[in-house]
mmCIF file of all heavy atoms, coordinates in Angstrom:
data_MODEL
# 
_entry.id   MODEL 
# 
loop_
_atom_site.group_PDB 
_atom_site.id 
_atom_site.type_symbol 
_atom_site.label_atom_id 
_atom_site.label_alt_id 
_atom_site.label_comp_id 
_atom_site.label_asym_id 
_atom_site.label_entity_id 
_atom_site.label_seq_id 
_atom_site.pdbx_PDB_ins_code 
_atom_site.Cartn_x 
_atom_site.Cartn_y 
_atom_site.Cartn_z 
_atom_site.occupancy 
_atom_site.B_iso_or_equiv 
_atom_site.pdbx_formal_charge 
_atom_site.auth_seq_id 
_atom_site.auth_comp_id 
_atom_site.auth_asym_id 
_atom_site.auth_atom_id 
_atom_site.pdbx_PDB_model_num 
ATOM 1   N N   . PRO A 1 1  ? -90.719 -35.126 -196.581 1.00 0.00 ? 1  PRO A N   1 
ATOM 2   C CA  . PRO A 1 1  ? -91.008 -34.525 -195.262 1.00 0.00 ? 1  PRO A CA  1 
ATOM 3   C C   . PRO A 1 1  ? -90.695 -35.479 -194.118 1.00 0.00 ? 1  PRO A C   1 
ATOM 4   O O   . PRO A 1 1  ? -90.992 -36.670 -194.188 1.00 0.00 ? 1  PRO A O   1 
ATOM 5   C CB  . PRO A 1 1  ? -92.521 -34.242 -195.334 1.00 0.00 ? 1  PRO A CB  1 
ATOM 6   C CG  . PRO A 1 1  ? -92.859 -34.256 -196.791 1.00 0.00 ? 1  PRO A CG  1 
ATOM 7   C CD  . PRO A 1 1  ? -91.907 -35.207 -197.432 1.00 0.00 ? 1  PRO A CD  1 
ATOM 8   N N   . LYS A 1 2  ? -90.089 -34.960 -193.050 1.00 0.00 ? 2  LYS A N   1 
ATOM 9   C CA  . LYS A 1 2  ? -89.814 -35.741 -191.846 1.00 0.00 ? 2  LYS A CA  1 
ATOM 10  C C   . LYS A 1 2  ? -90.939 -35.545 -190.842 1.00 0.00 ? 2  LYS A C   1 
ATOM 11  O O   . LYS A 1 2  ? -91.852 -34.744 -191.069 1.00 0.00 ? 2  LYS A O   1 
ATOM 12  C CB  . LYS A 1 2  ? -88.475 -35.284 -191.243 1.00 0.00 ? 2  LYS A CB  1 
ATOM 13  C CG  . LYS A 1 2  ? -87.279 -35.558 -192.128 1.00 0.00 ? 2  LYS A CG  1 
ATOM 14  C CD  . LYS A 1 2  ? -85.999 -35.012 -191.537 1.00 0.00 ? 2  LYS A CD  1 
ATOM 15  C CE  . LYS A 1 2  ? -85.445 -35.901 -190.464 1.00 0.00 ? 2  LYS A CE  1 
ATOM 16  N NZ  . LYS A 1 2  ? -84.086 -35.475 -190.036 1.00 0.00 ? 2  LYS A NZ  1 
ATOM 17  N N   . GLU A 1 3  ? -90.888 -36.264 -189.736 1.00 0.00 ? 3  GLU A N   1 
ATOM 18  C CA  . GLU A 1 3  ? -91.921 -36.143 -188.701 1.00 0.00 ? 3  GLU A CA  1 
ATOM 19  C C   . GLU A 1 3  ? -91.959 -34.730 -188.127 1.00 0.00 ? 3  GLU A C   1 
ATOM 20  O O   . GLU A 1 3  ? -93.020 -34.188 -187.850 1.00 0.00 ? 3  GLU A O   1 
ATOM 21  C CB  . GLU A 1 3  ? -91.660 -37.148 -187.578 1.00 0.00 ? 3  GLU A CB  1 
ATOM 22  C CG  . GLU A 1 3  ? -92.078 -38.571 -187.936 1.00 0.00 ? 3  GLU A CG  1 
ATOM 23  C CD  . GLU A 1 3  ? -91.916 -39.518 -186.769 1.00 0.00 ? 3  GLU A CD  1 
ATOM 24  O OE1 . GLU A 1 3  ? -91.466 -39.079 -185.691 1.00 0.00 ? 3  GLU A OE1 1 
ATOM 25  O OE2 . GLU A 1 3  ? -92.244 -40.706 -186.926 1.00 0.00 ? 3  GLU A OE2 1 
ATOM 26  N N   . GLU A 1 4  ? -90.757 -34.143 -187.940 1.00 0.00 ? 4  GLU A N   1 
ATOM 27  C CA  . GLU A 1 4  ? -90.700 -32.778 -187.421 1.00 0.00 ? 4  GLU A CA  1 
ATOM 28  C C   . GLU A 1 4  ? -91.188 -31.808 -188.499 1.00 0.00 ? 4  GLU A C   1 
ATOM 29  O O   . GLU A 1 4  ? -90.725 -31.861 -189.642 1.00 0.00 ? 4  GLU A O   1 
ATOM 30  C CB  . GLU A 1 4  ? -89.264 -32.405 -187.027 1.00 0.00 ? 4  GLU A CB  1 
ATOM 31  C CG  . GLU A 1 4  ? -88.674 -33.301 -185.963 1.00 0.00 ? 4  GLU A CG  1 
ATOM 32  C CD  . GLU A 1 4  ? -87.836 -34.425 -186.529 1.00 0.00 ? 4  GLU A CD  1 
ATOM 33  O OE1 . GLU A 1 4  ? -88.180 -34.924 -187.623 1.00 0.00 ? 4  GLU A OE1 1 
ATOM 34  O OE2 . GLU A 1 4  ? -86.850 -34.813 -185.893 1.00 0.00 ? 4  GLU A OE2 1 
ATOM 35  N N   . LYS A 1 5  ? -92.115 -30.944 -188.131 1.00 0.00 ? 5  LYS A N   1 
ATOM 36  C CA  . LYS A 1 5  ? -92.682 -30.001 -189.098 1.00 0.00 ? 5  LYS A CA  1 
ATOM 37  C C   . LYS A 1 5  ? -91.608 -29.104 -189.680 1.00 0.00 ? 5  LYS A C   1 
ATOM 38  O O   . LYS A 1 5  ? -90.760 -28.579 -188.965 1.00 0.00 ? 5  LYS A O   1 
ATOM 39  C CB  . LYS A 1 5  ? -93.765 -29.146 -188.431 1.00 0.00 ? 5  LYS A CB  1 
ATOM 40  C CG  . LYS A 1 5  ? -95.093 -29.872 -188.284 1.00 0.00 ? 5  LYS A CG  1 
ATOM 41  C CD  . LYS A 1 5  ? -96.193 -28.942 -187.841 1.00 0.00 ? 5  LYS A CD  1 
ATOM 42  C CE  . LYS A 1 5  ? -97.535 -29.662 -187.772 1.00 0.00 ? 5  LYS A CE  1 
ATOM 43  N NZ  . LYS A 1 5  ? -98.620 -28.770 -187.334 1.00 0.00 ? 5  LYS A NZ  1 
ATOM 44  N N   . GLY A 1 6  ? -91.660 -28.923 -190.991 1.00 0.00 ? 6  GLY A N   1 
ATOM 45  C CA  . GLY A 1 6  ? -90.724 -28.022 -191.656 1.00 0.00 ? 6  GLY A CA  1 
ATOM 46  C C   . GLY A 1 6  ? -89.377 -28.632 -191.963 1.00 0.00 ? 6  GLY A C   1 
ATOM 47  O O   . GLY A 1 6  ? -88.521 -27.970 -192.551 1.00 0.00 ? 6  GLY A O   1 
ATOM 48  N N   . LYS A 1 7  ? -89.163 -29.904 -191.581 1.00 0.00 ? 7  LYS A N   1 
ATOM 49  C CA  . LYS A 1 7  ? -87.882 -30.556 -191.848 1.00 0.00 ? 7  LYS A CA  1 
ATOM 50  C C   . LYS A 1 7  ? -88.056 -31.619 -192.933 1.00 0.00 ? 7  LYS A C   1 
ATOM 51  O O   . LYS A 1 7  ? -89.104 -32.253 -193.036 1.00 0.00 ? 7  LYS A O   1 
ATOM 52  C CB  . LYS A 1 7  ? -87.311 -31.180 -190.577 1.00 0.00 ? 7  LYS A CB  1 
ATOM 53  C CG  . LYS A 1 7  ? -86.867 -30.152 -189.542 1.00 0.00 ? 7  LYS A CG  1 
ATOM 54  C CD  . LYS A 1 7  ? -86.097 -30.798 -188.416 1.00 0.00 ? 7  LYS A CD  1 
ATOM 55  C CE  . LYS A 1 7  ? -85.593 -29.753 -187.421 1.00 0.00 ? 7  LYS A CE  1 
ATOM 56  N NZ  . LYS A 1 7  ? -84.798 -30.370 -186.330 1.00 0.00 ? 7  LYS A NZ  1 
ATOM 57  N N   . PHE A 1 8  ? -86.991 -31.779 -193.742 1.00 0.00 ? 8  PHE A N   1 
ATOM 58  C CA  . PHE A 1 8  ? -87.063 -32.707 -194.861 1.00 0.00 ? 8  PHE A CA  1 
ATOM 59  C C   . PHE A 1 8  ? -85.837 -33.622 -194.884 1.00 0.00 ? 8  PHE A C   1 
ATOM 60  O O   . PHE A 1 8  ? -84.754 -33.236 -194.457 1.00 0.00 ? 8  PHE A O   1 
ATOM 61  C CB  . PHE A 1 8  ? -87.144 -31.944 -196.191 1.00 0.00 ? 8  PHE A CB  1 
ATOM 62  C CG  . PHE A 1 8  ? -88.396 -31.130 -196.335 1.00 0.00 ? 8  PHE A CG  1 
ATOM 63  C CD1 . PHE A 1 8  ? -88.461 -29.838 -195.831 1.00 0.00 ? 8  PHE A CD1 1 
ATOM 64  C CD2 . PHE A 1 8  ? -89.516 -31.655 -196.951 1.00 0.00 ? 8  PHE A CD2 1 
ATOM 65  C CE1 . PHE A 1 8  ? -89.618 -29.082 -195.958 1.00 0.00 ? 8  PHE A CE1 1 
ATOM 66  C CE2 . PHE A 1 8  ? -90.671 -30.917 -197.083 1.00 0.00 ? 8  PHE A CE2 1 
ATOM 67  C CZ  . PHE A 1 8  ? -90.729 -29.616 -196.581 1.00 0.00 ? 8  PHE A CZ  1 
ATOM 68  N N   . ARG A 1 9  ? -86.034 -34.836 -195.412 1.00 0.00 ? 9  ARG A N   1 
ATOM 69  C CA  . ARG A 1 9  ? -84.941 -35.784 -195.580 1.00 0.00 ? 9  ARG A CA  1 
ATOM 70  C C   . ARG A 1 9  ? -84.587 -35.830 -197.070 1.00 0.00 ? 9  ARG A C   1 
ATOM 71  O O   . ARG A 1 9  ? -85.449 -36.120 -197.905 1.00 0.00 ? 9  ARG A O   1 
ATOM 72  C CB  . ARG A 1 9  ? -85.355 -37.166 -195.095 1.00 0.00 ? 9  ARG A CB  1 
ATOM 73  C CG  . ARG A 1 9  ? -84.303 -38.250 -195.344 1.00 0.00 ? 9  ARG A CG  1 
ATOM 74  C CD  . ARG A 1 9  ? -84.749 -39.607 -194.840 1.00 0.00 ? 9  ARG A CD  1 
ATOM 75  N NE  . ARG A 1 9  ? -84.724 -39.664 -193.385 1.00 0.00 ? 9  ARG A NE  1 
ATOM 76  C CZ  . ARG A 1 9  ? -85.785 -39.689 -192.627 1.00 0.00 ? 9  ARG A CZ  1 
ATOM 77  N NH1 . ARG A 1 9  ? -86.985 -39.631 -193.173 1.00 0.00 ? 9  ARG A NH1 1 
ATOM 78  N NH2 . ARG A 1 9  ? -85.688 -39.744 -191.320 1.00 0.00 ? 9  ARG A NH2 1 
ATOM 79  N N   . PRO A 1 10 ? -83.324 -35.542 -197.431 1.00 0.00 ? 10 PRO A N   1 
ATOM 80  C CA  . PRO A 1 10 ? -82.943 -35.608 -198.841 1.00 0.00 ? 10 PRO A CA  1 
ATOM 81  C C   . PRO A 1 10 ? -82.869 -37.052 -199.323 1.00 0.00 ? 10 PRO A C   1 
ATOM 82  O O   . PRO A 1 10 ? -82.304 -37.910 -198.653 1.00 0.00 ? 10 PRO A O   1 
ATOM 83  C CB  . PRO A 1 10 ? -81.563 -34.934 -198.869 1.00 0.00 ? 10 PRO A CB  1 
ATOM 84  C CG  . PRO A 1 10 ? -81.031 -35.079 -197.491 1.00 0.00 ? 10 PRO A CG  1 
ATOM 85  C CD  . PRO A 1 10 ? -82.212 -35.108 -196.569 1.00 0.00 ? 10 PRO A CD  1 
ATOM 86  N N   . LEU A 1 11 ? -83.461 -37.302 -200.471 1.00 0.00 ? 11 LEU A N   1 
ATOM 87  C CA  . LEU A 1 11 ? -83.450 -38.639 -201.068 1.00 0.00 ? 11 LEU A CA  1 
ATOM 88  C C   . LEU A 1 11 ? -82.806 -38.518 -202.443 1.00 0.00 ? 11 LEU A C   1 
ATOM 89  O O   . LEU A 1 11 ? -83.111 -37.583 -203.194 1.00 0.00 ? 11 LEU A O   1 
ATOM 90  C CB  . LEU A 1 11 ? -84.882 -39.157 -201.185 1.00 0.00 ? 11 LEU A CB  1 
ATOM 91  C CG  . LEU A 1 11 ? -85.090 -40.647 -201.423 1.00 0.00 ? 11 LEU A CG  1 
ATOM 92  C CD1 . LEU A 1 11 ? -84.656 -41.439 -200.209 1.00 0.00 ? 11 LEU A CD1 1 
ATOM 93  C CD2 . LEU A 1 11 ? -86.555 -40.930 -201.719 1.00 0.00 ? 11 LEU A CD2 1 
ATOM 94  N N   . GLY A 1 12 ? -81.914 -39.435 -202.762 1.00 0.00 ? 12 GLY A N   1 
ATOM 95  C CA  . GLY A 1 12 ? -81.260 -39.418 -204.069 1.00 0.00 ? 12 GLY A CA  1 
ATOM 96  C C   . GLY A 1 12 ? -81.795 -40.534 -204.950 1.00 0.00 ? 12 GLY A C   1 
ATOM 97  O O   . GLY A 1 12 ? -81.772 -41.693 -204.552 1.00 0.00 ? 12 GLY A O   1 
ATOM 98  N N   . ILE A 1 13 ? -82.303 -40.197 -206.128 1.00 0.00 ? 13 ILE A N   1 
ATOM 99  C CA  . ILE A 1 13 ? -82.868 -41.208 -207.025 1.00 0.00 ? 13 ILE A CA  1 
ATOM 100 C C   . ILE A 1 13 ? -81.935 -41.401 -208.227 1.00 0.00 ? 13 ILE A C   1 
ATOM 101 O O   . ILE A 1 13 ? -81.880 -40.554 -209.120 1.00 0.00 ? 13 ILE A O   1 
ATOM 102 C CB  . ILE A 1 13 ? -84.271 -40.800 -207.517 1.00 0.00 ? 13 ILE A CB  1 
ATOM 103 C CG1 . ILE A 1 13 ? -85.194 -40.538 -206.320 1.00 0.00 ? 13 ILE A CG1 1 
ATOM 104 C CG2 . ILE A 1 13 ? -84.862 -41.874 -208.421 1.00 0.00 ? 13 ILE A CG2 1 
ATOM 105 C CD1 . ILE A 1 13 ? -86.559 -40.021 -206.703 1.00 0.00 ? 13 ILE A CD1 1 
ATOM 106 N N   . PRO A 1 14 ? -81.196 -42.523 -208.249 1.00 0.00 ? 14 PRO A N   1 
ATOM 107 C CA  . PRO A 1 14 ? -80.376 -42.806 -209.433 1.00 0.00 ? 14 PRO A CA  1 
ATOM 108 C C   . PRO A 1 14 ? -81.277 -43.198 -210.611 1.00 0.00 ? 14 PRO A C   1 
ATOM 109 O O   . PRO A 1 14 ? -82.455 -43.532 -210.417 1.00 0.00 ? 14 PRO A O   1 
ATOM 110 C CB  . PRO A 1 14 ? -79.507 -43.995 -208.995 1.00 0.00 ? 14 PRO A CB  1 
ATOM 111 C CG  . PRO A 1 14 ? -79.705 -44.129 -207.511 1.00 0.00 ? 14 PRO A CG  1 
ATOM 112 C CD  . PRO A 1 14 ? -81.051 -43.552 -207.218 1.00 0.00 ? 14 PRO A CD  1 
ATOM 113 N N   . THR A 1 15 ? -80.730 -43.189 -211.811 1.00 0.00 ? 15 THR A N   1 
ATOM 114 C CA  . THR A 1 15 ? -81.481 -43.677 -212.966 1.00 0.00 ? 15 THR A CA  1 
ATOM 115 C C   . THR A 1 15 ? -81.731 -45.173 -212.792 1.00 0.00 ? 15 THR A C   1 
ATOM 116 O O   . THR A 1 15 ? -81.048 -45.848 -212.008 1.00 0.00 ? 15 THR A O   1 
ATOM 117 C CB  . THR A 1 15 ? -80.706 -43.451 -214.273 1.00 0.00 ? 15 THR A CB  1 
ATOM 118 O OG1 . THR A 1 15 ? -79.483 -44.213 -214.212 1.00 0.00 ? 15 THR A OG1 1 
ATOM 119 C CG2 . THR A 1 15 ? -80.374 -41.978 -214.476 1.00 0.00 ? 15 THR A CG2 1 
ATOM 120 N N   . VAL A 1 16 ? -82.690 -45.720 -213.536 1.00 0.00 ? 16 VAL A N   1 
ATOM 121 C CA  . VAL A 1 16 ? -82.995 -47.154 -213.434 1.00 0.00 ? 16 VAL A CA  1 
ATOM 122 C C   . VAL A 1 16 ? -81.760 -47.980 -213.811 1.00 0.00 ? 16 VAL A C   1 
ATOM 123 O O   . VAL A 1 16 ? -81.458 -48.998 -213.178 1.00 0.00 ? 16 VAL A O   1 
ATOM 124 C CB  . VAL A 1 16 ? -84.190 -47.521 -214.339 1.00 0.00 ? 16 VAL A CB  1 
ATOM 125 C CG1 . VAL A 1 16 ? -84.506 -49.013 -214.223 1.00 0.00 ? 16 VAL A CG1 1 
ATOM 126 C CG2 . VAL A 1 16 ? -85.421 -46.710 -213.981 1.00 0.00 ? 16 VAL A CG2 1 
ATOM 127 N N   . THR A 1 17 ? -81.035 -47.529 -214.837 1.00 0.00 ? 17 THR A N   1 
ATOM 128 C CA  . THR A 1 17 ? -79.822 -48.243 -215.268 1.00 0.00 ? 17 THR A CA  1 
ATOM 129 C C   . THR A 1 17 ? -78.804 -48.298 -214.136 1.00 0.00 ? 17 THR A C   1 
ATOM 130 O O   . THR A 1 17 ? -78.243 -49.360 -213.832 1.00 0.00 ? 17 THR A O   1 
ATOM 131 C CB  . THR A 1 17 ? -79.193 -47.548 -216.488 1.00 0.00 ? 17 THR A CB  1 
ATOM 132 O OG1 . THR A 1 17 ? -80.146 -47.513 -217.554 1.00 0.00 ? 17 THR A OG1 1 
ATOM 133 C CG2 . THR A 1 17 ? -77.936 -48.279 -216.947 1.00 0.00 ? 17 THR A CG2 1 
ATOM 134 N N   . ASP A 1 18 ? -78.571 -47.156 -213.490 1.00 0.00 ? 18 ASP A N   1 
ATOM 135 C CA  . ASP A 1 18 ? -77.599 -47.120 -212.386 1.00 0.00 ? 18 ASP A CA  1 
ATOM 136 C C   . ASP A 1 18 ? -78.092 -47.926 -211.191 1.00 0.00 ? 18 ASP A C   1 
ATOM 137 O O   . ASP A 1 18 ? -77.286 -48.532 -210.478 1.00 0.00 ? 18 ASP A O   1 
ATOM 138 C CB  . ASP A 1 18 ? -77.314 -45.674 -211.978 1.00 0.00 ? 18 ASP A CB  1 
ATOM 139 C CG  . ASP A 1 18 ? -76.524 -44.917 -213.045 1.00 0.00 ? 18 ASP A CG  1 
ATOM 140 O OD1 . ASP A 1 18 ? -75.863 -45.589 -213.858 1.00 0.00 ? 18 ASP A OD1 1 
ATOM 141 O OD2 . ASP A 1 18 ? -76.577 -43.674 -213.066 1.00 0.00 ? 18 ASP A OD2 1 
ATOM 142 N N   . ARG A 1 19 ? -79.420 -47.942 -210.965 1.00 0.00 ? 19 ARG A N   1 
ATOM 143 C CA  . ARG A 1 19 ? -79.967 -48.760 -209.871 1.00 0.00 ? 19 ARG A CA  1 
ATOM 144 C C   . ARG A 1 19 ? -79.688 -50.245 -210.130 1.00 0.00 ? 19 ARG A C   1 
ATOM 145 O O   . ARG A 1 19 ? -79.383 -51.003 -209.206 1.00 0.00 ? 19 ARG A O   1 
ATOM 146 C CB  . ARG A 1 19 ? -81.484 -48.524 -209.712 1.00 0.00 ? 19 ARG A CB  1 
ATOM 147 C CG  . ARG A 1 19 ? -81.843 -47.140 -209.227 1.00 0.00 ? 19 ARG A CG  1 
ATOM 148 C CD  . ARG A 1 19 ? -83.144 -47.119 -208.454 1.00 0.00 ? 19 ARG A CD  1 
ATOM 149 N NE  . ARG A 1 19 ? -84.334 -47.408 -209.197 1.00 0.00 ? 19 ARG A NE  1 
ATOM 150 C CZ  . ARG A 1 19 ? -85.075 -46.499 -209.854 1.00 0.00 ? 19 ARG A CZ  1 
ATOM 151 N NH1 . ARG A 1 19 ? -84.717 -45.227 -209.866 1.00 0.00 ? 19 ARG A NH1 1 
ATOM 152 N NH2 . ARG A 1 19 ? -86.167 -46.847 -210.476 1.00 0.00 ? 19 ARG A NH2 1 
ATOM 153 N N   . TRP A 1 20 ? -79.792 -50.644 -211.405 1.00 0.00 ? 20 TRP A N   1 
ATOM 154 C CA  . TRP A 1 20 ? -79.537 -52.045 -211.761 1.00 0.00 ? 20 TRP A CA  1 
ATOM 155 C C   . TRP A 1 20 ? -78.067 -52.400 -211.531 1.00 0.00 ? 20 TRP A C   1 
ATOM 156 O O   . TRP A 1 20 ? -77.757 -53.449 -210.944 1.00 0.00 ? 20 TRP A O   1 
ATOM 157 C CB  . TRP A 1 20 ? -79.937 -52.285 -213.211 1.00 0.00 ? 20 TRP A CB  1 
ATOM 158 C CG  . TRP A 1 20 ? -79.589 -53.670 -213.697 1.00 0.00 ? 20 TRP A CG  1 
ATOM 159 C CD1 . TRP A 1 20 ? -80.210 -54.835 -213.366 1.00 0.00 ? 20 TRP A CD1 1 
ATOM 160 C CD2 . TRP A 1 20 ? -78.521 -54.020 -214.579 1.00 0.00 ? 20 TRP A CD2 1 
ATOM 161 N NE1 . TRP A 1 20 ? -79.604 -55.901 -213.991 1.00 0.00 ? 20 TRP A NE1 1 
ATOM 162 C CE2 . TRP A 1 20 ? -78.564 -55.426 -214.746 1.00 0.00 ? 20 TRP A CE2 1 
ATOM 163 C CE3 . TRP A 1 20 ? -77.542 -53.299 -215.257 1.00 0.00 ? 20 TRP A CE3 1 
ATOM 164 C CZ2 . TRP A 1 20 ? -77.656 -56.111 -215.556 1.00 0.00 ? 20 TRP A CZ2 1 
ATOM 165 C CZ3 . TRP A 1 20 ? -76.643 -53.970 -216.061 1.00 0.00 ? 20 TRP A CZ3 1 
ATOM 166 C CH2 . TRP A 1 20 ? -76.698 -55.358 -216.201 1.00 0.00 ? 20 TRP A CH2 1 
ATOM 167 N N   . VAL A 1 21 ? -77.163 -51.527 -211.959 1.00 0.00 ? 21 VAL A N   1 
ATOM 168 C CA  . VAL A 1 21 ? -75.728 -51.781 -211.758 1.00 0.00 ? 21 VAL A CA  1 
ATOM 169 C C   . VAL A 1 21 ? -75.432 -51.848 -210.257 1.00 0.00 ? 21 VAL A C   1 
ATOM 170 O O   . VAL A 1 21 ? -74.720 -52.745 -209.791 1.00 0.00 ? 21 VAL A O   1 
ATOM 171 C CB  . VAL A 1 21 ? -74.865 -50.697 -212.441 1.00 0.00 ? 21 VAL A CB  1 
ATOM 172 C CG1 . VAL A 1 21 ? -73.383 -50.950 -212.168 1.00 0.00 ? 21 VAL A CG1 1 
ATOM 173 C CG2 . VAL A 1 21 ? -75.115 -50.659 -213.949 1.00 0.00 ? 21 VAL A CG2 1 
ATOM 174 N N   . GLN A 1 22 ? -75.989 -50.903 -209.502 1.00 0.00 ? 22 GLN A N   1 
ATOM 175 C CA  . GLN A 1 22 ? -75.795 -50.908 -208.048 1.00 0.00 ? 22 GLN A CA  1 
ATOM 176 C C   . GLN A 1 22 ? -76.311 -52.198 -207.422 1.00 0.00 ? 22 GLN A C   1 
ATOM 177 O O   . GLN A 1 22 ? -75.686 -52.767 -206.521 1.00 0.00 ? 22 GLN A O   1 
ATOM 178 C CB  . GLN A 1 22 ? -76.506 -49.709 -207.413 1.00 0.00 ? 22 GLN A CB  1 
ATOM 179 C CG  . GLN A 1 22 ? -75.835 -48.375 -207.639 1.00 0.00 ? 22 GLN A CG  1 
ATOM 180 C CD  . GLN A 1 22 ? -76.483 -47.275 -206.823 1.00 0.00 ? 22 GLN A CD  1 
ATOM 181 O OE1 . GLN A 1 22 ? -77.075 -47.533 -205.775 1.00 0.00 ? 22 GLN A OE1 1 
ATOM 182 N NE2 . GLN A 1 22 ? -76.368 -46.040 -207.288 1.00 0.00 ? 22 GLN A NE2 1 
ATOM 183 N N   . GLN A 1 23 ? -77.481 -52.651 -207.897 1.00 0.00 ? 23 GLN A N   1 
ATOM 184 C CA  . GLN A 1 23 ? -78.074 -53.873 -207.341 1.00 0.00 ? 23 GLN A CA  1 
ATOM 185 C C   . GLN A 1 23 ? -77.193 -55.084 -207.618 1.00 0.00 ? 23 GLN A C   1 
ATOM 186 O O   . GLN A 1 23 ? -77.036 -55.956 -206.756 1.00 0.00 ? 23 GLN A O   1 
ATOM 187 C CB  . GLN A 1 23 ? -79.475 -54.089 -207.931 1.00 0.00 ? 23 GLN A CB  1 
ATOM 188 C CG  . GLN A 1 23 ? -80.240 -55.267 -207.349 1.00 0.00 ? 23 GLN A CG  1 
ATOM 189 C CD  . GLN A 1 23 ? -80.533 -55.107 -205.867 1.00 0.00 ? 23 GLN A CD  1 
ATOM 190 O OE1 . GLN A 1 23 ? -80.836 -54.020 -205.403 1.00 0.00 ? 23 GLN A OE1 1 
ATOM 191 N NE2 . GLN A 1 23 ? -80.427 -56.193 -205.124 1.00 0.00 ? 23 GLN A NE2 1 
ATOM 192 N N   . CYS A 1 24 ? -76.605 -55.143 -208.813 1.00 0.00 ? 24 CYS A N   1 
ATOM 193 C CA  . CYS A 1 24 ? -75.669 -56.234 -209.146 1.00 0.00 ? 24 CYS A CA  1 
ATOM 194 C C   . CYS A 1 24 ? -74.520 -56.265 -208.142 1.00 0.00 ? 24 CYS A C   1 
ATOM 195 O O   . CYS A 1 24 ? -74.136 -57.333 -207.639 1.00 0.00 ? 24 CYS A O   1 
ATOM 196 C CB  . CYS A 1 24 ? -75.109 -56.052 -210.560 1.00 0.00 ? 24 CYS A CB  1 
ATOM 197 S SG  . CYS A 1 24 ? -76.280 -56.374 -211.885 1.00 0.00 ? 24 CYS A SG  1 
ATOM 198 N N   . VAL A 1 25 ? -73.954 -55.091 -207.843 1.00 0.00 ? 25 VAL A N   1 
ATOM 199 C CA  . VAL A 1 25 ? -72.832 -54.995 -206.902 1.00 0.00 ? 25 VAL A CA  1 
ATOM 200 C C   . VAL A 1 25 ? -73.304 -55.324 -205.481 1.00 0.00 ? 25 VAL A C   1 
ATOM 201 O O   . VAL A 1 25 ? -72.648 -56.081 -204.759 1.00 0.00 ? 25 VAL A O   1 
ATOM 202 C CB  . VAL A 1 25 ? -72.197 -53.586 -206.942 1.00 0.00 ? 25 VAL A CB  1 
ATOM 203 C CG1 . VAL A 1 25 ? -71.059 -53.480 -205.928 1.00 0.00 ? 25 VAL A CG1 1 
ATOM 204 C CG2 . VAL A 1 25 ? -71.686 -53.255 -208.345 1.00 0.00 ? 25 VAL A CG2 1 
ATOM 205 N N   . ALA A 1 26 ? -74.450 -54.759 -205.092 1.00 0.00 ? 26 ALA A N   1 
ATOM 206 C CA  . ALA A 1 26 ? -74.958 -54.933 -203.722 1.00 0.00 ? 26 ALA A CA  1 
ATOM 207 C C   . ALA A 1 26 ? -75.183 -56.404 -203.389 1.00 0.00 ? 26 ALA A C   1 
ATOM 208 O O   . ALA A 1 26 ? -74.904 -56.858 -202.273 1.00 0.00 ? 26 ALA A O   1 
ATOM 209 C CB  . ALA A 1 26 ? -76.250 -54.144 -203.542 1.00 0.00 ? 26 ALA A CB  1 
# 
């Protein structure tokens, strides 16, 4: 949920494995 009522922010959750690979690159 965003501050504005009725509005939402999309969040993408990668798998833990993909988060680790991304973190290595980042």
